[in-house]
């Protein structure tokens, strides 16, 4: 595929969806190309804003001058103007042109913020600036994200991710985007350059970057303060006049030497400070977790034989049941069961599961009713405020399997299995399975990531039980507007009189990731066992 997802030709713009025609249709994107972006036009000193969307699709076969690859993909086509992507201004043109383009975008964001017009912020790879510096086009967020995400983490970070703070919203989010654009225009690189989204978010949180005052000599103090305050989420306003008239001072050799020495000292101090902060954070978290585990153990000990005896084990389970136990643990965010069914080599996967569990619990503490539940439970509970994390349509070697399965507790002392499928089982024996499922992750704001994962699971019989020691993964991710799925779900539930099975059948006509009827039945039983509230829609 081409490495450039956005092309402008005359007064047309083309966005490579990165999907073949069949995938494009199956994913239902034909009905989603009308997602709104925003067109900002400068008339004198007044900004006018209007909704904008792609109008049609065209095959890469018809755009051979752009798409040189063998694989045919679908391009989205829409009206535009003579211009360039903001990232191209950064990379291709003179500094003066880059500053003018950045200044125009930042001014448009300022005016947009004052007008209270709705806009989902996008990074530099999704912003188009006209060559006469009078128009700015912000492409539809979900469409540009899907296209850019196929370029790999590093390119996605450089073109998009590094310009946005996923934690900020409203004015602070706008200021962060403006500051990232200003920083890139002046410094030639993004402030938070980690290609991994999780690592980048940690750097943003800890302000682990080289401030502009220590990266470039001679920048106006108002611009320096703006970037520092914006990245920290503090109140600030964009220095419109200072940035548009930006001229960097040429340092003398002595000034440059002093500047470099001070910058070096600052970065060393900052590195030590952040290292200490992260060390304390890790220890603090460990202490809190230990306290929580201790309190939990005391509470459990009142009515149970002991925490250890209450934990699940794969002893007594077949290799297939062990796979079901592990993926049920993923579905239910059951960290103990995930750890009990997997080897230490998969500790990173279990740790990520623990982080998701803690994040979900923290969110529900601060936002009542904002629980994190599996997709089938989300359908059953009919609580639209809930977020989703979990799996659906889980199969092992092509056969549907359970996602609410738990092994026996240790206190039950299950006997070790001696044979499987009529054959004796010996220590060190190995098994492999091919699993496939959809995994849901509502990412906050209005974004829902649903990934099709195909995994090769390798198990080993260790001493007296099966254990998973390796998982090889292939993943294909798609992003959806959570609000749209909620609206379609609510409409289907109302149409079906609150019958969740009939509702799921309606939704499956458009979405292949909707949980199966058996998963919904298991979810109903799970909800009942957990004494969760099952709210049915009020009949009109």
Protein backbone atom coordinates (compact mmCIF):
# COMPACT_ATOMS: atom_id res chain seq x y z
CA UNK A 1 0.00 0.00 0.00
CA UNK A 2 1.00 3.59 -0.45
CA UNK A 3 2.65 5.20 2.56
CA UNK A 4 0.70 8.46 2.06
CA UNK A 5 -2.98 8.18 3.04
CA UNK A 6 -4.16 11.65 1.95
CA UNK A 7 -3.92 13.06 -1.59
CA UNK A 8 -5.08 16.39 -3.00
CA UNK A 9 -5.67 16.76 -6.71
CA UNK A 10 -7.13 20.00 -7.98
CA UNK A 11 -10.18 20.71 -5.86
CA UNK A 12 -10.57 17.11 -4.70
CA UNK A 13 -9.22 15.27 -1.68
CA UNK A 14 -8.76 11.49 -1.46
CA UNK A 15 -8.28 9.43 1.70
CA UNK A 16 -7.06 5.85 1.45
CA UNK A 17 -9.32 3.73 3.68
CA UNK A 18 -6.66 0.98 3.64
CA UNK A 19 -9.43 -1.55 3.03
CA UNK A 20 -10.21 -3.75 0.07
CA UNK A 21 -13.67 -3.42 -1.43
CA UNK A 22 -14.93 -6.56 0.32
CA UNK A 23 -13.62 -5.50 3.73
CA UNK A 24 -14.95 -1.97 3.21
CA UNK A 25 -18.47 -3.28 2.56
CA UNK A 26 -18.35 -5.90 5.32
CA UNK A 27 -17.25 -3.31 7.88
CA UNK A 28 -20.24 -1.15 6.95
CA UNK A 29 -18.12 1.83 5.95
CA UNK A 30 -20.30 2.71 2.98
CA UNK A 31 -22.72 4.25 5.47
CA UNK A 32 -20.01 5.90 7.55
CA UNK A 33 -18.20 8.02 4.96
CA UNK A 34 -20.55 10.91 5.78
CA UNK A 35 -19.00 11.36 9.20
CA UNK A 36 -18.52 15.09 9.71
CA UNK A 37 -15.26 16.97 9.66
CA UNK A 38 -15.10 20.77 9.78
CA UNK A 39 -14.18 23.43 7.25
CA UNK A 40 -12.86 26.74 8.62
CA UNK A 41 -12.71 29.73 6.23
CA UNK A 42 -11.12 33.09 7.02
CA UNK A 43 -13.03 36.06 5.61
CA UNK A 44 -11.07 39.18 6.49
CA UNK A 45 -10.71 38.82 10.24
CA UNK A 46 -13.80 36.64 10.66
CA UNK A 47 -13.82 32.86 10.72
CA UNK A 48 -16.75 30.94 9.24
CA UNK A 49 -17.27 27.28 10.10
CA UNK A 50 -19.26 24.65 8.25
CA UNK A 51 -19.63 20.88 8.46
CA UNK A 52 -17.77 18.91 5.81
CA UNK A 53 -17.79 15.26 4.77
CA UNK A 54 -16.56 12.92 2.07
CA UNK A 55 -19.10 12.43 -0.70
CA UNK A 56 -18.24 9.19 -2.49
CA UNK A 57 -15.74 6.38 -2.91
CA UNK A 58 -13.36 5.51 -5.72
CA UNK A 59 -11.12 2.50 -6.34
CA UNK A 60 -7.34 2.81 -6.26
CA UNK A 61 -7.49 1.38 -9.79
CA UNK A 62 -8.78 4.79 -10.88
CA UNK A 63 -6.01 6.60 -8.97
CA UNK A 64 -2.98 4.74 -10.27
CA UNK A 65 -0.80 7.84 -10.12
CA UNK A 66 -1.26 7.75 -6.31
CA UNK A 67 -1.77 4.08 -5.52
CA UNK A 68 1.15 2.10 -6.92
CA UNK A 69 0.57 -1.08 -4.93
CA UNK A 70 -0.75 -4.37 -6.18
CA UNK A 71 -3.52 -4.51 -3.57
CA UNK A 72 -6.63 -2.60 -4.57
CA UNK A 73 -8.12 -0.39 -1.86
CA UNK A 74 -11.08 1.96 -1.52
CA UNK A 75 -10.46 5.71 -1.42
CA UNK A 76 -12.89 8.24 0.04
CA UNK A 77 -13.41 11.29 -2.17
CA UNK A 78 -14.57 14.78 -1.22
CA UNK A 79 -14.46 18.45 -2.25
CA UNK A 80 -11.45 20.44 -1.22
CA UNK A 81 -9.16 23.32 -2.25
CA UNK A 82 -5.59 23.72 -3.42
CA UNK A 83 -3.53 22.94 -0.34
CA UNK A 84 -1.32 20.57 1.62
CA UNK A 85 -1.59 18.42 4.71
CA UNK A 86 -0.17 20.28 7.74
CA UNK A 87 2.44 17.54 8.20
CA UNK A 88 3.63 18.25 4.63
CA UNK A 89 4.11 21.94 5.47
CA UNK A 90 6.34 20.78 8.34
CA UNK A 91 8.44 18.49 6.18
CA UNK A 92 8.48 19.98 2.68
CA UNK A 93 8.42 23.78 2.72
CA UNK A 94 10.40 26.71 4.01
CA UNK A 95 10.20 27.72 7.67
CA UNK A 96 8.18 30.82 6.81
CA UNK A 97 5.52 28.79 4.98
CA UNK A 98 5.37 26.31 7.85
CA UNK A 99 4.89 29.10 10.41
CA UNK A 100 2.10 30.67 8.31
CA UNK A 101 0.29 27.34 8.01
CA UNK A 102 0.64 26.61 11.73
CA UNK A 103 -0.45 30.11 12.68
CA UNK A 104 -3.57 29.77 10.53
CA UNK A 105 -4.48 26.41 12.09
CA UNK A 106 -3.94 27.69 15.65
CA UNK A 107 -5.99 30.82 14.95
CA UNK A 108 -8.79 28.67 13.52
CA UNK A 109 -8.72 26.51 16.66
CA UNK A 110 -8.90 29.65 18.81
CA UNK A 111 -11.91 30.97 16.88
CA UNK A 112 -13.52 27.55 16.90
CA UNK A 113 -13.11 27.28 20.66
CA UNK A 114 -14.73 30.71 21.13
CA UNK A 115 -17.61 29.83 18.79
CA UNK A 116 -18.40 26.67 20.83
CA UNK A 117 -18.73 24.74 17.54
CA UNK A 118 -18.26 21.00 17.94
CA UNK A 119 -14.99 19.52 16.71
CA UNK A 120 -13.25 16.21 17.34
CA UNK A 121 -9.59 17.19 17.41
CA UNK A 122 -7.21 15.53 14.94
CA UNK A 123 -3.42 15.52 14.56
CA UNK A 124 -1.31 17.17 11.85
CA UNK A 125 -1.90 14.26 9.45
CA UNK A 126 -5.62 15.05 9.45
CA UNK A 127 -5.47 18.84 8.95
CA UNK A 128 -5.41 20.41 5.46
CA UNK A 129 -4.29 24.04 4.90
CA UNK A 130 -4.97 25.94 1.67
CA UNK A 131 -2.02 27.35 -0.25
CA UNK A 132 -3.45 30.87 0.00
CA UNK A 133 -3.67 30.45 3.80
CA UNK A 134 -7.38 31.24 4.01
CA UNK A 135 -8.92 27.80 4.70
CA UNK A 136 -8.36 24.92 7.10
CA UNK A 137 -10.04 21.53 6.79
CA UNK A 138 -10.19 19.20 9.81
CA UNK A 139 -10.85 15.69 8.46
CA UNK A 140 -13.35 13.36 10.20
CA UNK A 141 -11.64 11.93 13.27
CA UNK A 142 -12.55 8.24 13.05
CA UNK A 143 -11.90 7.96 9.31
CA UNK A 144 -8.44 9.55 9.44
CA UNK A 145 -7.51 7.53 12.55
CA UNK A 146 -8.39 4.24 10.87
CA UNK A 147 -6.37 5.16 7.78
CA UNK A 148 -3.31 6.40 9.66
CA UNK A 149 -3.31 3.54 12.20
CA UNK A 150 -2.45 1.11 9.38
CA UNK A 151 0.90 2.91 8.86
CA UNK A 152 2.36 1.47 12.06
CA UNK A 153 2.89 2.97 15.52
CA UNK A 154 5.84 5.20 14.61
CA UNK A 155 4.18 6.88 11.62
CA UNK A 156 0.86 7.14 13.46
CA UNK A 157 2.64 8.85 16.34
CA UNK A 158 4.51 11.31 14.09
CA UNK A 159 1.46 12.22 12.00
CA UNK A 160 -1.27 12.07 14.59
CA UNK A 161 -0.89 10.66 18.09
CA UNK A 162 1.83 13.02 19.33
CA UNK A 163 -0.41 16.05 18.78
CA UNK A 164 -3.22 14.92 21.08
CA UNK A 165 -3.55 14.36 24.81
CA UNK A 166 -6.19 11.65 25.35
CA UNK A 167 -6.74 12.79 28.94
CA UNK A 168 -7.50 16.45 28.20
CA UNK A 169 -10.84 17.75 26.94
CA UNK A 170 -12.33 21.11 26.01
CA UNK A 171 -9.97 24.10 26.15
CA UNK A 172 -7.04 22.14 27.59
CA UNK A 173 -7.21 19.67 24.68
CA UNK A 174 -7.27 22.53 22.14
CA UNK A 175 -4.33 24.26 23.82
CA UNK A 176 -2.33 21.01 23.85
CA UNK A 177 -2.88 20.57 20.11
CA UNK A 178 -1.89 24.19 19.43
CA UNK A 179 1.24 23.86 21.59
CA UNK A 180 2.27 20.62 19.85
CA UNK A 181 1.88 22.34 16.45
CA UNK A 182 3.89 25.36 17.62
CA UNK A 183 6.61 23.13 19.06
CA UNK A 184 6.90 21.11 15.85
CA UNK A 185 7.00 24.25 13.68
CA UNK A 186 9.79 25.81 15.72
CA UNK A 187 11.76 22.77 16.85
CA UNK A 188 11.27 20.50 13.84
CA UNK A 189 10.12 17.57 15.98
CA UNK A 190 7.18 16.70 18.21
CA UNK A 191 7.60 17.16 21.98
CA UNK A 192 6.39 13.67 22.97
CA UNK A 193 7.86 11.35 20.37
CA UNK A 194 7.33 7.87 21.85
CA UNK A 195 5.78 5.69 19.15
CA UNK A 196 3.88 3.54 21.65
CA UNK A 197 0.62 5.19 22.75
CA UNK A 198 0.96 3.92 26.33
CA UNK A 199 4.58 5.10 26.67
CA UNK A 200 3.68 8.45 25.10
CA UNK A 201 0.80 8.97 27.53
CA UNK A 202 3.14 8.33 30.47
CA UNK A 203 5.61 10.90 29.09
CA UNK A 204 2.78 13.43 28.65
CA UNK A 205 1.60 12.80 32.19
CA UNK A 206 5.10 13.26 33.61
CA UNK A 207 5.94 16.15 31.21
CA UNK A 208 8.94 14.14 30.05
CA UNK A 209 10.07 16.30 27.13
CA UNK A 210 12.60 18.99 26.33
CA UNK A 211 10.88 22.37 26.89
CA UNK A 212 11.13 24.76 23.97
CA UNK A 213 13.27 27.18 26.00
CA UNK A 214 15.93 24.46 26.24
CA UNK A 215 15.49 23.14 22.70
CA UNK A 216 15.76 26.29 20.54
CA UNK A 217 17.62 29.54 21.23
CA UNK A 218 15.91 32.93 21.02
CA UNK A 219 12.18 32.06 21.15
CA UNK A 220 9.81 34.75 22.47
CA UNK A 221 9.01 34.30 26.18
CA UNK A 222 5.23 34.36 25.59
CA UNK A 223 5.54 31.44 23.18
CA UNK A 224 7.72 29.54 25.66
CA UNK A 225 5.22 30.04 28.50
CA UNK A 226 2.31 29.08 26.25
CA UNK A 227 3.79 25.70 25.31
CA UNK A 228 4.84 24.92 28.88
CA UNK A 229 1.43 25.81 30.35
CA UNK A 230 -0.51 24.09 27.56
CA UNK A 231 1.37 20.81 27.96
CA UNK A 232 0.80 20.99 31.73
CA UNK A 233 -2.96 21.59 31.29
CA UNK A 234 -2.78 25.06 32.85
CA UNK A 235 -4.78 28.10 31.79
CA UNK A 236 -3.15 29.96 28.90
CA UNK A 237 -4.00 31.70 25.64
CA UNK A 238 -2.41 31.26 22.24
CA UNK A 239 0.15 34.07 21.54
CA UNK A 240 -1.25 34.92 18.12
CA UNK A 241 0.83 38.01 17.32
CA UNK A 242 4.11 36.70 18.72
CA UNK A 243 3.89 33.41 16.81
CA UNK A 244 2.85 34.93 13.47
CA UNK A 245 5.81 37.33 13.71
CA UNK A 246 8.23 34.65 14.90
CA UNK A 247 11.89 35.33 14.18
CA UNK A 248 14.56 33.28 15.87
CA UNK A 249 17.61 35.14 17.10
CA UNK A 250 20.97 34.03 15.78
CA UNK A 251 23.13 33.26 18.85
CA UNK A 252 26.77 34.17 19.16
CA UNK A 253 29.19 31.34 19.82
CA UNK A 254 29.38 32.25 23.51
CA UNK A 255 25.56 32.47 23.78
CA UNK A 256 25.19 29.13 22.05
CA UNK A 257 27.75 27.50 24.35
CA UNK A 258 25.98 28.84 27.43
CA UNK A 259 22.58 27.78 26.04
CA UNK A 260 23.77 24.23 25.37
CA UNK A 261 25.34 23.92 28.83
CA UNK A 262 22.17 25.12 30.58
CA UNK A 263 19.99 22.84 28.46
CA UNK A 264 22.21 19.86 29.26
CA UNK A 265 22.06 20.58 33.00
CA UNK A 266 18.27 21.00 32.87
CA UNK A 267 17.73 17.72 31.03
CA UNK A 268 19.93 15.85 33.51
CA UNK A 269 17.97 17.32 36.45
CA UNK A 270 14.68 16.53 34.74
CA UNK A 271 15.71 12.95 34.02
CA UNK A 272 16.59 12.37 37.70
CA UNK A 273 13.37 14.03 38.85
CA UNK A 274 11.16 11.94 36.54
CA UNK A 275 13.02 8.74 37.39
CA UNK A 276 12.44 9.41 41.09
CA UNK A 277 8.80 10.33 40.49
CA UNK A 278 8.13 7.12 38.56
CA UNK A 279 9.95 5.04 41.16
CA UNK A 280 7.78 6.54 43.91
CA UNK A 281 4.70 6.06 41.77
CA UNK A 282 5.48 2.37 41.29
CA UNK A 283 6.17 1.90 45.00
CA UNK A 284 3.08 3.89 45.97
CA UNK A 285 0.92 1.77 43.71
CA UNK A 286 2.49 -1.39 45.11
CA UNK A 287 1.77 -0.24 48.67
CA UNK A 288 -1.85 0.58 47.82
CA UNK A 289 -2.29 -2.78 46.11
CA UNK A 290 -0.76 -4.58 49.10
CA UNK A 291 -3.10 -2.78 51.49
CA UNK A 292 -6.10 -3.57 49.29
CA UNK A 293 -5.06 -7.23 49.02
CA UNK A 294 -4.50 -7.40 52.78
CA UNK A 295 -7.93 -5.93 53.56
CA UNK A 296 -9.53 -8.23 51.02
CA UNK A 297 -7.75 -11.24 52.54
CA UNK A 298 -9.04 -10.36 56.01
CA UNK A 299 -12.60 -10.01 54.73
CA UNK A 300 -12.42 -13.29 52.88
CA UNK A 301 -10.85 -15.09 55.84
CA UNK A 302 -13.94 -14.39 57.96
CA UNK A 303 -16.07 -16.74 55.88
CA UNK A 304 -13.57 -18.76 53.86
CA UNK A 305 -10.66 -21.05 54.66
CA UNK A 306 -8.06 -18.66 53.26
CA UNK A 307 -7.23 -16.55 50.28
CA UNK A 308 -4.91 -19.11 48.78
CA UNK A 309 -7.49 -21.90 48.93
CA UNK A 310 -10.11 -19.67 47.31
CA UNK A 311 -8.09 -19.01 44.15
CA UNK A 312 -8.76 -20.93 40.97
CA UNK A 313 -6.47 -23.58 39.50
CA UNK A 314 -6.17 -25.40 36.19
CA UNK A 315 -5.51 -28.64 38.04
CA UNK A 316 -8.12 -31.18 36.97
CA UNK A 317 -8.82 -29.32 33.70
CA UNK A 318 -8.20 -30.56 30.17
CA UNK A 319 -6.03 -28.47 27.88
CA UNK A 320 -9.15 -27.09 26.16
CA UNK A 321 -10.74 -26.17 29.50
CA UNK A 322 -7.50 -24.41 30.47
CA UNK A 323 -7.78 -22.29 27.30
CA UNK A 324 -11.42 -21.51 28.18
CA UNK A 325 -10.41 -20.52 31.70
CA UNK A 326 -7.70 -18.14 30.47
CA UNK A 327 -9.88 -16.37 27.90
CA UNK A 328 -12.80 -16.24 30.34
CA UNK A 329 -10.38 -14.46 32.70
CA UNK A 330 -9.61 -11.95 29.92
CA UNK A 331 -13.34 -11.47 29.32
CA UNK A 332 -14.10 -10.95 33.03
CA UNK A 333 -10.87 -9.09 33.92
CA UNK A 334 -10.17 -11.89 36.42
CA UNK A 335 -6.46 -11.30 36.99
CA UNK A 336 -6.02 -14.19 39.45
CA UNK A 337 -7.49 -16.76 37.04
CA UNK A 338 -5.44 -15.36 34.15
CA UNK A 339 -2.29 -15.70 36.21
CA UNK A 340 -3.26 -19.21 37.40
CA UNK A 341 -3.72 -20.47 33.84
CA UNK A 342 -0.61 -18.90 32.27
CA UNK A 343 3.15 -19.08 32.70
CA UNK A 344 5.41 -16.25 33.89
CA UNK A 345 6.40 -15.67 30.25
CA UNK A 346 2.91 -14.18 29.74
CA UNK A 347 3.23 -11.88 32.75
CA UNK A 348 3.13 -8.79 30.51
CA UNK A 349 -0.31 -9.75 29.19
CA UNK A 350 -1.59 -10.36 32.72
CA UNK A 351 -0.16 -7.03 33.90
CA UNK A 352 -2.01 -5.22 31.09
CA UNK A 353 -5.18 -6.97 32.19
CA UNK A 354 -4.56 -5.79 35.76
CA UNK A 355 -4.05 -2.21 34.56
CA UNK A 356 -7.35 -2.30 32.65
CA UNK A 357 -9.09 -3.69 35.76
CA UNK A 358 -7.68 -0.93 37.99
CA UNK A 359 -8.56 1.77 35.42
CA UNK A 360 -12.13 0.43 35.17
CA UNK A 361 -12.58 0.31 38.94
CA UNK A 362 -11.16 3.82 39.33
CA UNK A 363 -13.53 5.17 36.67
CA UNK A 364 -16.56 3.53 38.33
CA UNK A 365 -15.55 5.05 41.69
CA UNK A 366 -15.53 8.58 40.29
CA UNK A 367 -18.45 8.09 37.86
CA UNK A 368 -21.33 6.15 39.38
CA UNK A 369 -22.74 3.58 36.97
CA UNK A 370 -19.70 3.79 34.69
CA UNK A 371 -18.73 0.13 35.18
CA UNK A 372 -16.45 -1.77 32.80
CA UNK A 373 -18.25 -4.94 31.64
CA UNK A 374 -17.92 -7.64 28.93
CA UNK A 375 -19.85 -7.03 25.68
CA UNK A 376 -22.47 -9.74 26.37
CA UNK A 377 -23.06 -8.33 29.88
CA UNK A 378 -23.39 -4.85 28.36
CA UNK A 379 -26.18 -6.16 26.11
CA UNK A 380 -27.94 -7.88 29.01
CA UNK A 381 -27.74 -5.06 31.54
CA UNK A 382 -28.95 -2.32 29.17
CA UNK A 383 -26.98 0.34 31.02
CA UNK A 384 -25.66 2.75 28.37
CA UNK A 385 -23.38 4.53 30.87
CA UNK A 386 -21.27 1.36 31.19
CA UNK A 387 -18.02 0.97 29.26
CA UNK A 388 -17.04 -2.26 27.51
CA UNK A 389 -13.99 -4.48 27.74
CA UNK A 390 -14.10 -8.16 26.90
CA UNK A 391 -14.49 -10.71 24.13
CA UNK A 392 -17.25 -12.12 21.93
CA UNK A 393 -17.69 -14.91 19.38
CA UNK A 394 -14.89 -16.91 20.97
CA UNK A 395 -13.93 -20.10 19.10
CA UNK A 396 -11.22 -22.71 19.59
CA UNK A 397 -10.22 -24.58 16.45
CA UNK A 398 -13.40 -23.24 14.87
CA UNK A 399 -15.74 -24.44 17.65
CA UNK A 400 -17.66 -22.00 19.91
CA UNK A 401 -16.35 -22.09 23.48
CA UNK A 402 -17.13 -20.54 26.85
CA UNK A 403 -16.13 -17.06 28.03
CA UNK A 404 -17.56 -17.29 31.58
CA UNK A 405 -15.76 -20.49 32.61
CA UNK A 406 -13.77 -20.79 35.85
CA UNK A 407 -11.68 -23.65 37.12
CA UNK A 408 -12.13 -25.25 40.52
CA UNK A 409 -10.88 -23.56 43.66
CA UNK A 410 -7.73 -24.88 45.26
CA UNK A 411 -9.58 -25.73 48.48
CA UNK A 412 -11.65 -28.24 46.49
CA UNK A 413 -8.43 -30.19 45.85
CA UNK A 414 -9.30 -31.35 42.32
CA UNK A 415 -7.41 -34.49 41.23
CA UNK A 416 -4.89 -34.12 38.42
CA UNK A 417 -6.02 -35.52 35.09
CA UNK A 418 -4.23 -38.65 34.00
CA UNK A 419 -5.34 -38.80 30.39
CA UNK A 420 -6.92 -36.69 27.67
CA UNK A 421 -8.80 -37.91 24.58
CA UNK A 422 -8.02 -41.48 25.63
CA UNK A 423 -4.25 -40.86 25.80
CA UNK A 424 -2.10 -40.69 28.92
CA UNK A 425 -0.76 -37.23 29.76
CA UNK A 426 2.89 -36.90 30.77
CA UNK A 427 4.80 -33.93 32.26
CA UNK A 428 6.33 -31.79 29.50
CA UNK A 429 3.69 -32.77 26.94
CA UNK A 430 2.54 -29.89 24.69
CA UNK A 431 -0.67 -28.89 22.93
CA UNK A 432 -1.61 -26.14 20.47
CA UNK A 433 -4.94 -24.53 19.66
CA UNK A 434 -6.07 -21.85 17.21
CA UNK A 435 -8.44 -19.36 18.82
CA UNK A 436 -10.37 -16.49 17.27
CA UNK A 437 -12.50 -13.78 18.85
CA UNK A 438 -13.47 -10.11 18.84
CA UNK A 439 -12.16 -7.98 21.69
CA UNK A 440 -13.93 -4.77 22.69
CA UNK A 441 -12.27 -1.75 24.29
CA UNK A 442 -14.17 1.51 24.80
CA UNK A 443 -11.31 4.00 24.81
CA UNK A 444 -13.05 6.95 26.44
CA UNK A 445 -14.60 10.01 24.83
CA UNK A 446 -16.74 8.42 22.06
CA UNK A 447 -14.35 5.82 20.65
CA UNK A 448 -14.90 2.06 20.64
CA UNK A 449 -12.12 -0.17 19.32
CA UNK A 450 -13.21 -3.66 18.22
CA UNK A 451 -10.41 -5.94 17.11
CA UNK A 452 -10.56 -9.33 15.44
CA UNK A 453 -7.81 -11.40 17.07
CA UNK A 454 -6.48 -14.72 15.83
CA UNK A 455 -4.10 -16.41 18.24
CA UNK A 456 -2.06 -19.60 18.38
CA UNK A 457 -2.11 -20.84 21.97
CA UNK A 458 0.64 -23.20 23.15
CA UNK A 459 0.22 -25.23 26.38
CA UNK A 460 2.49 -27.50 28.40
CA UNK A 461 1.58 -30.10 31.01
CA UNK A 462 3.65 -28.97 33.99
CA UNK A 463 3.83 -31.35 36.96
CA UNK A 464 0.08 -31.97 37.43
CA UNK A 465 -1.77 -29.41 35.31
CA UNK A 466 -1.92 -27.70 31.93
CA UNK A 467 -0.48 -24.19 31.64
CA UNK A 468 -0.38 -21.72 28.73
CA UNK A 469 3.21 -20.70 28.04
CA UNK A 470 3.00 -18.86 24.70
CA UNK A 471 0.44 -16.94 22.62
CA UNK A 472 1.11 -15.71 19.06
CA UNK A 473 -1.31 -12.99 17.95
CA UNK A 474 -2.61 -11.51 14.71
CA UNK A 475 -4.88 -8.51 15.15
CA UNK A 476 -7.09 -6.38 12.90
CA UNK A 477 -8.59 -3.31 14.59
CA UNK A 478 -11.56 -1.14 13.66
CA UNK A 479 -12.79 1.99 15.41
CA UNK A 480 -16.43 2.93 15.89
CA UNK A 481 -18.37 5.74 17.48
CA UNK A 482 -19.65 4.32 20.75
CA UNK A 483 -22.63 6.69 20.68
CA UNK A 484 -23.77 5.27 17.34
CA UNK A 485 -23.70 1.70 18.63
CA UNK A 486 -25.59 2.78 21.75
CA UNK A 487 -28.25 4.49 19.64
CA UNK A 488 -28.70 1.43 17.39
CA UNK A 489 -28.84 -0.86 20.44
CA UNK A 490 -31.48 1.31 22.15
CA UNK A 491 -33.59 1.45 18.99
CA UNK A 492 -33.35 -2.33 18.55
CA UNK A 493 -34.26 -2.99 22.20
CA UNK A 494 -37.30 -0.75 21.92
CA UNK A 495 -38.32 -2.38 18.65
CA UNK A 496 -37.94 -5.85 20.19
CA UNK A 497 -39.81 -5.00 23.38
CA UNK A 498 -36.74 -5.42 25.61
CA UNK A 499 -35.91 -8.91 24.31
CA UNK A 500 -32.10 -8.92 24.31
CA UNK A 501 -31.88 -12.01 22.06
CA UNK A 502 -34.13 -10.47 19.40
CA UNK A 503 -32.19 -7.19 19.77
CA UNK A 504 -28.88 -9.01 19.22
CA UNK A 505 -30.32 -10.71 16.13
CA UNK A 506 -31.22 -7.30 14.68
CA UNK A 507 -27.75 -5.87 15.41
CA UNK A 508 -26.01 -8.89 13.85
CA UNK A 509 -27.48 -7.91 10.49
CA UNK A 510 -24.99 -5.01 10.50
CA UNK A 511 -22.26 -6.04 12.95
CA UNK A 512 -20.56 -9.45 12.97
CA UNK A 513 -19.01 -8.86 16.39
CA UNK A 514 -22.29 -8.95 18.36
CA UNK A 515 -22.08 -11.75 21.01
CA UNK A 516 -23.76 -15.09 20.26
CA UNK A 517 -27.01 -16.20 21.91
CA UNK A 518 -25.08 -18.67 24.09
CA UNK A 519 -22.76 -15.89 25.29
CA UNK A 520 -25.83 -13.79 26.13
CA UNK A 521 -27.35 -16.70 28.09
CA UNK A 522 -24.09 -17.12 30.01
CA UNK A 523 -24.04 -13.36 30.65
CA UNK A 524 -27.58 -13.44 32.07
CA UNK A 525 -26.53 -16.18 34.49
CA UNK A 526 -23.39 -14.24 35.39
CA UNK A 527 -25.36 -11.04 36.03
CA UNK A 528 -27.76 -12.94 38.28
CA UNK A 529 -24.91 -14.57 40.22
CA UNK A 530 -23.17 -11.24 40.71
CA UNK A 531 -26.43 -9.63 41.92
CA UNK A 532 -26.07 -6.93 39.30
CA UNK A 533 -29.01 -4.72 38.38
CA UNK A 534 -30.82 -5.77 35.22
CA UNK A 535 -32.61 -2.72 33.91
CA UNK A 536 -35.16 -3.14 31.15
CA UNK A 537 -36.23 -0.16 29.00
CA UNK A 538 -39.49 1.43 30.07
CA UNK A 539 -42.36 0.63 27.74
CA UNK A 540 -43.80 3.70 26.11
